[in-house]
Amino acid sequence: MATTSLQSLPLAIKFCKKTCKTCGLDIYQGPALERAKEAQIFWVGLSAVMFKEGQEKLPLSPLKSSGALIHSIEAPLRPIFSFYKTNLVKCAPIEDDKVRYPLTHEMEKCFPNFEWELKHLHPKVVLLLGKQVADFVLKRFDLPKVTLAEHFQYHMFLIDGTYFVPVHHPSYMLIYKRRYIQQYINGIQDLISKSICPKKGQ
């Protein structure tokens, strides 16, 4: 899968020259970006991870455990739906050769890039992976924090024609809820199908 830099996208050139360097995280590792494309479904993680030299820097990469789980959720749906992966923080927040959680001001500085993606790539459903991502994004839209559903029946927020859906992060499922992974997969697949192809009368 091809990658690109946001700076290379015609609509974003002037914007990103002003904003992409503001948090300083790019000095450790450049941004992980999927090729910009219109997509019905967005997966939104917290921040990029560290990549080995020569590895393709993709958000929620299928080479990583979380990305592999996302890949398995997408697999049966790909003939019908289009997908796009991104992070709130495009670069990896690296400290002492390890990835840490991004700071609030780093998320704030990178948020305009996410807004650009929403505006120009036109998702129908935005899956917010994990409580930290969900709380930050919902707060930006003046919505309350949420408690993630125990049984994977997730609540959707309709904002300007797009459904924003806080869901459990794949890494949380793999570490703490492995026995429920199939239920998690089924829940998200069902959510995607129903939100984009609702039954008649809904």
N, C-alpha and C. Protein backbone atom coordinates (compact mmCIF):
# COMPACT_ATOMS: atom_id res chain seq x y z
N MET A 1 0.86 -1.19 0.00
CA MET A 1 0.00 0.00 0.00
C MET A 1 0.89 1.24 0.00
N ALA A 2 0.59 2.16 -0.87
CA ALA A 2 1.42 3.35 -0.99
C ALA A 2 1.18 4.31 0.16
N THR A 3 2.23 5.01 0.53
CA THR A 3 2.09 6.07 1.52
C THR A 3 2.44 7.39 0.88
N THR A 4 2.04 8.44 1.54
CA THR A 4 2.38 9.77 1.05
C THR A 4 2.52 10.68 2.24
N SER A 5 3.02 11.83 2.01
CA SER A 5 3.09 12.84 3.07
C SER A 5 1.93 13.79 2.89
N LEU A 6 1.36 14.25 3.98
CA LEU A 6 0.27 15.22 3.85
C LEU A 6 0.72 16.43 3.06
N GLN A 7 2.04 16.77 3.19
CA GLN A 7 2.53 17.94 2.48
C GLN A 7 2.43 17.79 0.97
N SER A 8 2.35 16.53 0.48
CA SER A 8 2.33 16.31 -0.96
C SER A 8 0.92 16.40 -1.54
N LEU A 9 -0.07 16.52 -0.70
CA LEU A 9 -1.44 16.60 -1.19
C LEU A 9 -1.77 18.05 -1.56
N PRO A 10 -2.21 18.29 -2.81
CA PRO A 10 -2.41 19.66 -3.27
C PRO A 10 -3.25 20.52 -2.34
N LEU A 11 -4.36 19.98 -1.84
CA LEU A 11 -5.24 20.78 -1.00
C LEU A 11 -4.64 21.10 0.35
N ALA A 12 -3.57 20.38 0.74
CA ALA A 12 -3.03 20.54 2.09
C ALA A 12 -1.67 21.22 2.12
N ILE A 13 -1.11 21.55 0.96
CA ILE A 13 0.27 22.04 0.92
C ILE A 13 0.47 23.25 1.83
N LYS A 14 -0.30 24.31 1.63
CA LYS A 14 -0.10 25.53 2.42
C LYS A 14 -0.42 25.28 3.89
N PHE A 15 -1.46 24.52 4.13
CA PHE A 15 -1.89 24.25 5.50
C PHE A 15 -0.79 23.52 6.28
N CYS A 16 -0.24 22.47 5.69
CA CYS A 16 0.69 21.64 6.44
C CYS A 16 2.07 22.26 6.60
N LYS A 17 2.45 23.12 5.72
CA LYS A 17 3.72 23.83 5.91
C LYS A 17 3.67 24.63 7.19
N LYS A 18 2.46 25.05 7.56
CA LYS A 18 2.29 25.87 8.75
C LYS A 18 2.16 25.02 10.02
N THR A 19 1.56 23.82 9.90
CA THR A 19 1.18 23.10 11.11
C THR A 19 1.96 21.82 11.39
N CYS A 20 2.47 21.13 10.40
CA CYS A 20 3.00 19.79 10.63
C CYS A 20 4.25 19.76 11.49
N LYS A 21 4.98 20.85 11.59
CA LYS A 21 6.21 20.86 12.37
C LYS A 21 6.02 21.41 13.78
N THR A 22 4.79 21.75 14.14
CA THR A 22 4.61 22.53 15.36
C THR A 22 4.85 21.75 16.64
N CYS A 23 4.64 20.42 16.65
CA CYS A 23 4.82 19.68 17.91
C CYS A 23 6.25 19.19 18.08
N GLY A 24 7.04 19.11 17.00
CA GLY A 24 8.43 18.70 17.09
C GLY A 24 8.68 17.21 17.10
N LEU A 25 7.62 16.39 17.08
CA LEU A 25 7.81 14.94 17.16
C LEU A 25 8.43 14.35 15.89
N ASP A 26 8.35 15.07 14.77
CA ASP A 26 8.87 14.53 13.52
C ASP A 26 10.38 14.39 13.52
N ILE A 27 11.08 14.96 14.52
CA ILE A 27 12.54 14.84 14.54
C ILE A 27 12.96 13.41 14.88
N TYR A 28 12.08 12.63 15.52
CA TYR A 28 12.42 11.26 15.89
C TYR A 28 12.06 10.29 14.77
N GLN A 29 10.92 10.51 14.16
CA GLN A 29 10.44 9.63 13.10
C GLN A 29 9.37 10.38 12.34
N GLY A 30 9.43 10.34 11.03
CA GLY A 30 8.45 11.07 10.23
C GLY A 30 7.05 10.51 10.43
N PRO A 31 6.03 11.24 10.00
CA PRO A 31 4.65 10.82 10.22
C PRO A 31 4.31 9.51 9.50
N ALA A 32 3.48 8.72 10.14
CA ALA A 32 2.94 7.50 9.53
C ALA A 32 1.62 7.87 8.88
N LEU A 33 1.54 7.74 7.56
CA LEU A 33 0.37 8.20 6.82
C LEU A 33 -0.02 7.20 5.75
N GLU A 34 -1.29 6.90 5.70
CA GLU A 34 -1.80 6.11 4.59
C GLU A 34 -2.02 7.04 3.40
N ARG A 35 -2.03 6.46 2.19
CA ARG A 35 -2.32 7.27 1.01
C ARG A 35 -3.70 7.90 1.17
N ALA A 36 -3.78 9.21 1.02
CA ALA A 36 -5.04 9.91 1.20
C ALA A 36 -6.04 9.47 0.14
N LYS A 37 -7.21 9.09 0.59
CA LYS A 37 -8.26 8.63 -0.34
C LYS A 37 -9.61 8.78 0.36
N GLU A 38 -10.63 9.00 -0.41
CA GLU A 38 -11.97 9.00 0.18
C GLU A 38 -12.29 7.60 0.66
N ALA A 39 -12.92 7.51 1.84
CA ALA A 39 -13.23 6.20 2.41
C ALA A 39 -14.47 6.30 3.27
N GLN A 40 -15.25 5.24 3.27
CA GLN A 40 -16.47 5.23 4.07
C GLN A 40 -16.18 5.06 5.56
N ILE A 41 -15.13 4.29 5.88
CA ILE A 41 -14.82 3.96 7.26
C ILE A 41 -13.44 4.48 7.63
N PHE A 42 -13.37 5.26 8.70
CA PHE A 42 -12.09 5.69 9.28
C PHE A 42 -11.81 4.89 10.55
N TRP A 43 -10.59 4.41 10.68
CA TRP A 43 -10.08 3.90 11.96
C TRP A 43 -9.15 4.99 12.51
N VAL A 44 -9.35 5.40 13.76
CA VAL A 44 -8.54 6.49 14.32
C VAL A 44 -7.86 6.01 15.60
N GLY A 45 -6.53 5.87 15.52
CA GLY A 45 -5.74 5.50 16.69
C GLY A 45 -5.22 6.74 17.41
N LEU A 46 -4.41 6.50 18.43
CA LEU A 46 -3.91 7.61 19.25
C LEU A 46 -2.68 8.26 18.62
N SER A 47 -1.65 7.46 18.35
CA SER A 47 -0.42 8.02 17.76
C SER A 47 0.30 6.92 17.00
N ALA A 48 1.27 7.34 16.21
CA ALA A 48 2.09 6.38 15.47
C ALA A 48 2.95 5.58 16.44
N VAL A 49 3.42 4.43 15.96
CA VAL A 49 4.34 3.59 16.72
C VAL A 49 5.73 3.70 16.10
N MET A 50 6.70 3.06 16.73
CA MET A 50 8.05 3.04 16.16
C MET A 50 8.14 1.97 15.08
N PHE A 51 8.85 2.30 14.02
CA PHE A 51 9.08 1.35 12.94
C PHE A 51 10.57 1.09 12.79
N LYS A 52 10.91 -0.12 12.41
CA LYS A 52 12.29 -0.45 12.13
C LYS A 52 12.69 0.16 10.79
N GLU A 53 13.98 0.36 10.62
CA GLU A 53 14.47 0.94 9.38
C GLU A 53 14.05 0.06 8.21
N GLY A 54 13.50 0.69 7.19
CA GLY A 54 13.07 -0.04 6.01
C GLY A 54 11.61 -0.47 6.04
N GLN A 55 10.98 -0.43 7.21
CA GLN A 55 9.56 -0.76 7.28
C GLN A 55 8.72 0.39 6.76
N GLU A 56 7.64 0.06 6.09
CA GLU A 56 6.72 1.08 5.60
C GLU A 56 5.94 1.65 6.78
N LYS A 57 5.99 2.96 6.94
CA LYS A 57 5.35 3.61 8.09
C LYS A 57 3.87 3.84 7.77
N LEU A 58 3.03 2.95 8.26
CA LEU A 58 1.59 3.05 8.06
C LEU A 58 0.88 3.17 9.40
N PRO A 59 -0.14 4.00 9.49
CA PRO A 59 -0.93 4.04 10.73
C PRO A 59 -1.67 2.72 10.90
N LEU A 60 -1.67 2.21 12.15
CA LEU A 60 -2.36 0.95 12.44
C LEU A 60 -1.93 -0.13 11.46
N SER A 61 -0.61 -0.26 11.33
CA SER A 61 -0.02 -1.16 10.35
C SER A 61 -0.39 -2.62 10.62
N PRO A 62 -0.68 -3.38 9.57
CA PRO A 62 -0.97 -4.80 9.74
C PRO A 62 0.23 -5.60 10.24
N LEU A 63 1.42 -4.98 10.25
CA LEU A 63 2.61 -5.64 10.80
C LEU A 63 2.59 -5.65 12.33
N LYS A 64 1.76 -4.81 12.93
CA LYS A 64 1.63 -4.73 14.38
C LYS A 64 0.37 -5.47 14.81
N SER A 65 0.31 -5.89 16.07
CA SER A 65 -0.79 -6.73 16.54
C SER A 65 -2.16 -6.04 16.43
N SER A 66 -2.22 -4.76 16.81
CA SER A 66 -3.50 -4.04 16.72
C SER A 66 -3.94 -3.91 15.27
N GLY A 67 -3.01 -3.56 14.40
CA GLY A 67 -3.33 -3.43 12.98
C GLY A 67 -3.75 -4.75 12.36
N ALA A 68 -3.14 -5.83 12.82
CA ALA A 68 -3.51 -7.15 12.29
C ALA A 68 -4.95 -7.50 12.66
N LEU A 69 -5.36 -7.14 13.89
CA LEU A 69 -6.75 -7.40 14.28
C LEU A 69 -7.71 -6.55 13.46
N ILE A 70 -7.36 -5.29 13.24
CA ILE A 70 -8.19 -4.42 12.39
C ILE A 70 -8.29 -5.02 10.99
N HIS A 71 -7.17 -5.51 10.48
CA HIS A 71 -7.14 -6.11 9.15
C HIS A 71 -8.13 -7.29 9.06
N SER A 72 -8.20 -8.09 10.13
CA SER A 72 -9.11 -9.24 10.13
C SER A 72 -10.56 -8.80 10.20
N ILE A 73 -10.84 -7.66 10.86
CA ILE A 73 -12.20 -7.13 10.90
C ILE A 73 -12.61 -6.64 9.50
N GLU A 74 -11.69 -5.99 8.83
CA GLU A 74 -11.97 -5.44 7.50
C GLU A 74 -12.16 -6.51 6.43
N ALA A 75 -11.43 -7.61 6.56
CA ALA A 75 -11.28 -8.58 5.46
C ALA A 75 -12.59 -8.95 4.76
N PRO A 76 -13.62 -9.40 5.48
CA PRO A 76 -14.85 -9.79 4.76
C PRO A 76 -15.67 -8.60 4.25
N LEU A 77 -15.33 -7.41 4.71
CA LEU A 77 -16.11 -6.22 4.34
C LEU A 77 -15.49 -5.44 3.18
N ARG A 78 -14.22 -5.74 2.87
CA ARG A 78 -13.51 -4.94 1.86
C ARG A 78 -14.15 -4.94 0.48
N PRO A 79 -14.80 -6.03 0.06
CA PRO A 79 -15.45 -5.96 -1.26
C PRO A 79 -16.60 -4.95 -1.32
N ILE A 80 -17.12 -4.56 -0.13
CA ILE A 80 -18.29 -3.68 -0.09
C ILE A 80 -17.94 -2.27 0.37
N PHE A 81 -17.04 -2.15 1.36
CA PHE A 81 -16.74 -0.87 1.99
C PHE A 81 -15.29 -0.47 1.78
N SER A 82 -15.04 0.84 1.84
CA SER A 82 -13.68 1.36 1.73
C SER A 82 -13.21 1.84 3.11
N PHE A 83 -11.91 1.65 3.40
CA PHE A 83 -11.36 1.92 4.71
C PHE A 83 -10.14 2.85 4.63
N TYR A 84 -9.94 3.59 5.70
CA TYR A 84 -8.79 4.50 5.81
C TYR A 84 -8.34 4.52 7.26
N LYS A 85 -7.03 4.48 7.47
CA LYS A 85 -6.48 4.45 8.83
C LYS A 85 -5.65 5.70 9.10
N THR A 86 -5.80 6.22 10.30
CA THR A 86 -5.05 7.41 10.69
C THR A 86 -4.87 7.41 12.20
N ASN A 87 -4.09 8.35 12.69
CA ASN A 87 -3.90 8.57 14.12
C ASN A 87 -4.14 10.03 14.45
N LEU A 88 -4.56 10.30 15.68
CA LEU A 88 -4.69 11.69 16.11
C LEU A 88 -3.34 12.39 16.04
N VAL A 89 -2.29 11.69 16.46
CA VAL A 89 -0.92 12.22 16.38
C VAL A 89 -0.20 11.41 15.31
N LYS A 90 0.16 12.06 14.21
CA LYS A 90 0.69 11.34 13.06
C LYS A 90 2.10 10.80 13.28
N CYS A 91 2.87 11.46 14.14
CA CYS A 91 4.22 11.00 14.43
C CYS A 91 4.24 10.19 15.72
N ALA A 92 5.36 9.53 15.97
CA ALA A 92 5.49 8.72 17.19
C ALA A 92 6.09 9.56 18.31
N PRO A 93 5.42 9.66 19.46
CA PRO A 93 5.99 10.37 20.60
C PRO A 93 7.03 9.48 21.29
N ILE A 94 8.28 9.69 20.92
CA ILE A 94 9.36 8.81 21.39
C ILE A 94 10.15 9.49 22.50
N GLU A 95 10.42 8.74 23.55
CA GLU A 95 11.19 9.24 24.69
C GLU A 95 12.03 8.10 25.23
N ASP A 96 13.35 8.31 25.32
CA ASP A 96 14.27 7.26 25.78
C ASP A 96 14.10 5.99 24.95
N ASP A 97 13.99 6.18 23.64
CA ASP A 97 13.88 5.07 22.68
C ASP A 97 12.63 4.21 22.88
N LYS A 98 11.61 4.77 23.51
CA LYS A 98 10.34 4.07 23.67
C LYS A 98 9.21 5.02 23.30
N VAL A 99 8.09 4.45 22.85
CA VAL A 99 6.92 5.27 22.54
C VAL A 99 6.12 5.49 23.82
N ARG A 100 5.82 6.74 24.09
CA ARG A 100 4.99 7.10 25.24
C ARG A 100 3.63 7.55 24.72
N TYR A 101 2.70 7.77 25.64
CA TYR A 101 1.43 8.36 25.25
C TYR A 101 1.66 9.82 24.85
N PRO A 102 0.97 10.29 23.80
CA PRO A 102 1.14 11.71 23.44
C PRO A 102 0.55 12.62 24.51
N LEU A 103 1.15 13.78 24.63
CA LEU A 103 0.65 14.78 25.57
C LEU A 103 -0.54 15.52 24.95
N THR A 104 -1.34 16.13 25.79
CA THR A 104 -2.53 16.81 25.29
C THR A 104 -2.18 17.89 24.28
N HIS A 105 -1.11 18.65 24.54
CA HIS A 105 -0.77 19.73 23.60
C HIS A 105 -0.30 19.17 22.26
N GLU A 106 0.29 17.96 22.25
CA GLU A 106 0.68 17.34 20.99
C GLU A 106 -0.55 16.90 20.20
N MET A 107 -1.55 16.40 20.90
CA MET A 107 -2.80 16.03 20.25
C MET A 107 -3.51 17.27 19.70
N GLU A 108 -3.48 18.36 20.47
CA GLU A 108 -4.09 19.61 20.02
C GLU A 108 -3.42 20.13 18.76
N LYS A 109 -2.10 20.08 18.72
CA LYS A 109 -1.37 20.64 17.58
C LYS A 109 -1.59 19.82 16.31
N CYS A 110 -1.80 18.51 16.46
CA CYS A 110 -1.99 17.66 15.29
C CYS A 110 -3.45 17.56 14.87
N PHE A 111 -4.35 17.99 15.71
CA PHE A 111 -5.78 17.83 15.43
C PHE A 111 -6.21 18.49 14.11
N PRO A 112 -5.66 19.64 13.72
CA PRO A 112 -6.05 20.21 12.41
C PRO A 112 -5.81 19.26 11.24
N ASN A 113 -4.78 18.40 11.34
CA ASN A 113 -4.56 17.43 10.27
C ASN A 113 -5.70 16.42 10.19
N PHE A 114 -6.21 16.01 11.35
CA PHE A 114 -7.36 15.11 11.39
C PHE A 114 -8.60 15.81 10.85
N GLU A 115 -8.76 17.08 11.17
CA GLU A 115 -9.89 17.84 10.64
C GLU A 115 -9.81 17.92 9.12
N TRP A 116 -8.60 18.07 8.59
CA TRP A 116 -8.40 18.09 7.14
C TRP A 116 -8.86 16.77 6.53
N GLU A 117 -8.49 15.66 7.18
CA GLU A 117 -8.88 14.34 6.67
C GLU A 117 -10.40 14.19 6.66
N LEU A 118 -11.05 14.62 7.73
CA LEU A 118 -12.51 14.54 7.79
C LEU A 118 -13.15 15.36 6.67
N LYS A 119 -12.63 16.53 6.45
CA LYS A 119 -13.22 17.44 5.47
C LYS A 119 -13.06 16.94 4.04
N HIS A 120 -11.88 16.41 3.72
CA HIS A 120 -11.58 16.10 2.32
C HIS A 120 -11.74 14.62 1.95
N LEU A 121 -11.80 13.72 2.94
CA LEU A 121 -11.89 12.29 2.63
C LEU A 121 -13.28 11.71 2.91
N HIS A 122 -14.17 12.50 3.48
CA HIS A 122 -15.61 12.23 3.55
C HIS A 122 -16.00 10.87 4.14
N PRO A 123 -15.58 10.55 5.35
CA PRO A 123 -16.01 9.27 5.94
C PRO A 123 -17.48 9.29 6.34
N LYS A 124 -18.08 8.11 6.34
CA LYS A 124 -19.45 7.95 6.85
C LYS A 124 -19.43 7.52 8.31
N VAL A 125 -18.42 6.72 8.68
CA VAL A 125 -18.28 6.22 10.04
C VAL A 125 -16.83 6.41 10.49
N VAL A 126 -16.64 6.99 11.67
CA VAL A 126 -15.30 7.20 12.23
C VAL A 126 -15.22 6.39 13.52
N LEU A 127 -14.40 5.35 13.52
CA LEU A 127 -14.22 4.49 14.68
C LEU A 127 -13.08 5.04 15.53
N LEU A 128 -13.42 5.50 16.73
CA LEU A 128 -12.45 6.10 17.65
C LEU A 128 -11.92 5.00 18.56
N LEU A 129 -10.66 4.66 18.40
CA LEU A 129 -10.10 3.48 19.06
C LEU A 129 -9.60 3.81 20.46
N GLY A 130 -10.35 3.37 21.46
CA GLY A 130 -9.94 3.56 22.84
C GLY A 130 -10.50 4.82 23.47
N LYS A 131 -10.56 4.81 24.78
CA LYS A 131 -11.19 5.90 25.52
C LYS A 131 -10.43 7.21 25.39
N GLN A 132 -9.09 7.17 25.32
CA GLN A 132 -8.33 8.41 25.23
C GLN A 132 -8.63 9.14 23.92
N VAL A 133 -8.67 8.40 22.82
CA VAL A 133 -9.01 8.99 21.52
C VAL A 133 -10.46 9.49 21.54
N ALA A 134 -11.35 8.65 22.04
CA ALA A 134 -12.78 9.01 22.05
C ALA A 134 -13.03 10.26 22.87
N ASP A 135 -12.47 10.31 24.08
CA ASP A 135 -12.70 11.46 24.95
C ASP A 135 -12.16 12.74 24.32
N PHE A 136 -10.99 12.67 23.71
CA PHE A 136 -10.39 13.87 23.12
C PHE A 136 -11.23 14.38 21.94
N VAL A 137 -11.60 13.47 21.05
CA VAL A 137 -12.35 13.89 19.86
C VAL A 137 -13.74 14.38 20.23
N LEU A 138 -14.43 13.65 21.11
CA LEU A 138 -15.79 14.07 21.48
C LEU A 138 -15.78 15.42 22.19
N LYS A 139 -14.76 15.66 23.00
CA LYS A 139 -14.65 16.95 23.67
C LYS A 139 -14.53 18.08 22.65
N ARG A 140 -13.80 17.83 21.56
CA ARG A 140 -13.65 18.86 20.53
C ARG A 140 -14.99 19.20 19.87
N PHE A 141 -15.93 18.26 19.93
CA PHE A 141 -17.26 18.51 19.38
C PHE A 141 -18.29 18.81 20.48
N ASP A 142 -17.78 19.17 21.66
CA ASP A 142 -18.64 19.53 22.80
C ASP A 142 -19.60 18.41 23.20
N LEU A 143 -19.08 17.18 23.13
CA LEU A 143 -19.86 16.01 23.54
C LEU A 143 -19.25 15.41 24.80
N PRO A 144 -20.05 14.73 25.61
CA PRO A 144 -19.54 14.20 26.88
C PRO A 144 -18.64 12.98 26.69
N LYS A 145 -17.85 12.68 27.71
CA LYS A 145 -17.07 11.45 27.73
C LYS A 145 -18.01 10.25 27.76
N VAL A 146 -17.48 9.12 27.31
CA VAL A 146 -18.33 7.92 27.25
C VAL A 146 -17.69 6.78 28.02
N THR A 147 -18.53 5.84 28.40
CA THR A 147 -18.06 4.56 28.93
C THR A 147 -18.26 3.53 27.84
N LEU A 148 -17.20 2.83 27.48
CA LEU A 148 -17.30 1.88 26.38
C LEU A 148 -18.16 0.68 26.79
N ALA A 149 -19.02 0.26 25.88
CA ALA A 149 -20.00 -0.78 26.17
C ALA A 149 -19.33 -2.11 26.49
N GLU A 150 -19.77 -2.75 27.55
CA GLU A 150 -19.22 -4.04 27.96
C GLU A 150 -19.46 -5.13 26.91
N HIS A 151 -20.61 -5.08 26.25
CA HIS A 151 -20.99 -6.15 25.33
C HIS A 151 -20.83 -5.73 23.87
N PHE A 152 -20.02 -4.71 23.64
CA PHE A 152 -19.66 -4.29 22.29
C PHE A 152 -20.85 -3.80 21.46
N GLN A 153 -21.84 -3.25 22.17
CA GLN A 153 -22.95 -2.57 21.51
C GLN A 153 -22.66 -1.08 21.63
N TYR A 154 -21.99 -0.53 20.65
CA TYR A 154 -21.41 0.80 20.78
C TYR A 154 -22.40 1.91 20.41
N HIS A 155 -22.23 3.04 21.10
CA HIS A 155 -23.09 4.20 20.86
C HIS A 155 -22.49 5.07 19.77
N MET A 156 -23.33 5.54 18.85
CA MET A 156 -22.89 6.37 17.73
C MET A 156 -23.34 7.82 17.94
N PHE A 157 -22.45 8.74 17.61
CA PHE A 157 -22.76 10.17 17.66
C PHE A 157 -22.77 10.70 16.23
N LEU A 158 -23.90 11.25 15.80
CA LEU A 158 -24.00 11.81 14.45
C LEU A 158 -23.58 13.27 14.48
N ILE A 159 -22.48 13.58 13.76
CA ILE A 159 -21.95 14.94 13.72
C ILE A 159 -21.76 15.33 12.25
N ASP A 160 -22.50 16.32 11.80
CA ASP A 160 -22.39 16.81 10.42
C ASP A 160 -22.45 15.68 9.39
N GLY A 161 -23.36 14.73 9.60
CA GLY A 161 -23.57 13.66 8.64
C GLY A 161 -22.62 12.48 8.77
N THR A 162 -21.74 12.51 9.76
CA THR A 162 -20.79 11.41 9.98
C THR A 162 -21.04 10.80 11.36
N TYR A 163 -21.02 9.48 11.42
CA TYR A 163 -21.16 8.79 12.70
C TYR A 163 -19.78 8.62 13.35
N PHE A 164 -19.64 9.14 14.56
CA PHE A 164 -18.43 8.94 15.36
C PHE A 164 -18.75 7.89 16.42
N VAL A 165 -17.92 6.83 16.46
CA VAL A 165 -18.23 5.69 17.32
C VAL A 165 -17.03 5.33 18.19
N PRO A 166 -17.10 5.59 19.50
CA PRO A 166 -16.04 5.13 20.40
C PRO A 166 -16.10 3.61 20.55
N VAL A 167 -14.98 2.93 20.31
CA VAL A 167 -14.92 1.47 20.46
C VAL A 167 -13.66 1.11 21.25
N HIS A 168 -13.62 -0.10 21.76
CA HIS A 168 -12.43 -0.55 22.47
C HIS A 168 -11.23 -0.59 21.52
N HIS A 169 -10.07 -0.25 22.05
CA HIS A 169 -8.85 -0.32 21.24
C HIS A 169 -8.49 -1.78 21.03
N PRO A 170 -8.05 -2.15 19.83
CA PRO A 170 -7.65 -3.55 19.59
C PRO A 170 -6.61 -4.06 20.58
N SER A 171 -5.67 -3.21 20.99
CA SER A 171 -4.64 -3.66 21.93
C SER A 171 -5.25 -4.03 23.28
N TYR A 172 -6.29 -3.30 23.69
CA TYR A 172 -6.98 -3.62 24.94
C TYR A 172 -7.63 -5.00 24.83
N MET A 173 -8.26 -5.26 23.70
CA MET A 173 -8.89 -6.56 23.49
C MET A 173 -7.85 -7.68 23.51
N LEU A 174 -6.73 -7.46 22.87
CA LEU A 174 -5.70 -8.50 22.78
C LEU A 174 -5.05 -8.80 24.13
N ILE A 175 -4.96 -7.79 24.97
CA ILE A 175 -4.30 -7.97 26.27
C ILE A 175 -5.27 -8.41 27.36
N TYR A 176 -6.44 -7.77 27.41
CA TYR A 176 -7.34 -7.97 28.55
C TYR A 176 -8.62 -8.75 28.24
N LYS A 177 -9.02 -8.79 26.99
CA LYS A 177 -10.31 -9.39 26.66
C LYS A 177 -10.20 -10.39 25.51
N ARG A 178 -9.10 -11.11 25.47
CA ARG A 178 -8.84 -11.99 24.33
C ARG A 178 -9.96 -13.01 24.10
N ARG A 179 -10.58 -13.47 25.16
CA ARG A 179 -11.63 -14.48 25.01
C ARG A 179 -12.87 -13.92 24.32
N TYR A 180 -12.97 -12.57 24.26
CA TYR A 180 -14.14 -11.93 23.65
C TYR A 180 -13.83 -11.33 22.27
N ILE A 181 -12.68 -11.67 21.72
CA ILE A 181 -12.28 -11.02 20.46
C ILE A 181 -13.27 -11.28 19.33
N GLN A 182 -13.78 -12.49 19.22
CA GLN A 182 -14.73 -12.76 18.13
C GLN A 182 -15.99 -11.95 18.30
N GLN A 183 -16.43 -11.77 19.55
CA GLN A 183 -17.61 -10.95 19.83
C GLN A 183 -17.34 -9.49 19.44
N TYR A 184 -16.14 -9.03 19.72
CA TYR A 184 -15.70 -7.67 19.36
C TYR A 184 -15.69 -7.50 17.83
N ILE A 185 -15.12 -8.47 17.14
CA ILE A 185 -15.06 -8.42 15.68
C ILE A 185 -16.48 -8.38 15.10
N ASN A 186 -17.33 -9.27 15.59
CA ASN A 186 -18.72 -9.32 15.09
C ASN A 186 -19.45 -8.01 15.36
N GLY A 187 -19.23 -7.42 16.55
CA GLY A 187 -19.91 -6.19 16.91
C GLY A 187 -19.54 -5.04 16.00
N ILE A 188 -18.24 -4.91 15.68
CA ILE A 188 -17.81 -3.81 14.81
C ILE A 188 -18.25 -4.04 13.37
N GLN A 189 -18.14 -5.28 12.90
CA GLN A 189 -18.60 -5.57 11.54
C GLN A 189 -20.09 -5.27 11.39
N ASP A 190 -20.87 -5.64 12.39
CA ASP A 190 -22.31 -5.39 12.36
C ASP A 190 -22.61 -3.90 12.39
N LEU A 191 -21.87 -3.17 13.21
CA LEU A 191 -22.03 -1.72 13.32
C LEU A 191 -21.77 -1.05 11.97
N ILE A 192 -20.68 -1.44 11.31
CA ILE A 192 -20.33 -0.86 10.01
C ILE A 192 -21.44 -1.13 9.00
N SER A 193 -21.88 -2.37 8.93
CA SER A 193 -22.89 -2.74 7.94
C SER A 193 -24.20 -2.02 8.17
N LYS A 194 -24.62 -1.92 9.41
CA LYS A 194 -25.91 -1.28 9.72
C LYS A 194 -25.87 0.23 9.54
N SER A 195 -24.74 0.85 9.83
CA SER A 195 -24.66 2.30 9.75
C SER A 195 -24.56 2.80 8.31
N ILE A 196 -23.98 2.00 7.44
CA ILE A 196 -23.84 2.44 6.04
C ILE A 196 -24.95 1.88 5.17
N CYS A 197 -25.42 0.69 5.50
CA CYS A 197 -26.51 0.07 4.73
C CYS A 197 -27.67 -0.23 5.65
N PRO A 198 -28.34 0.80 6.20
CA PRO A 198 -29.44 0.55 7.13
C PRO A 198 -30.60 -0.15 6.44
N LYS A 199 -31.33 -0.92 7.24
CA LYS A 199 -32.51 -1.60 6.70
C LYS A 199 -33.57 -0.57 6.33
N LYS A 200 -34.42 -0.93 5.39
CA LYS A 200 -35.51 -0.05 4.97
C LYS A 200 -36.42 0.26 6.17
N GLY A 201 -36.81 1.51 6.26
CA GLY A 201 -37.66 1.91 7.35
C GLY A 201 -36.93 2.45 8.55
N GLN A 202 -35.55 2.30 8.58
CA GLN A 202 -34.76 2.82 9.70
C GLN A 202 -34.36 4.25 9.43
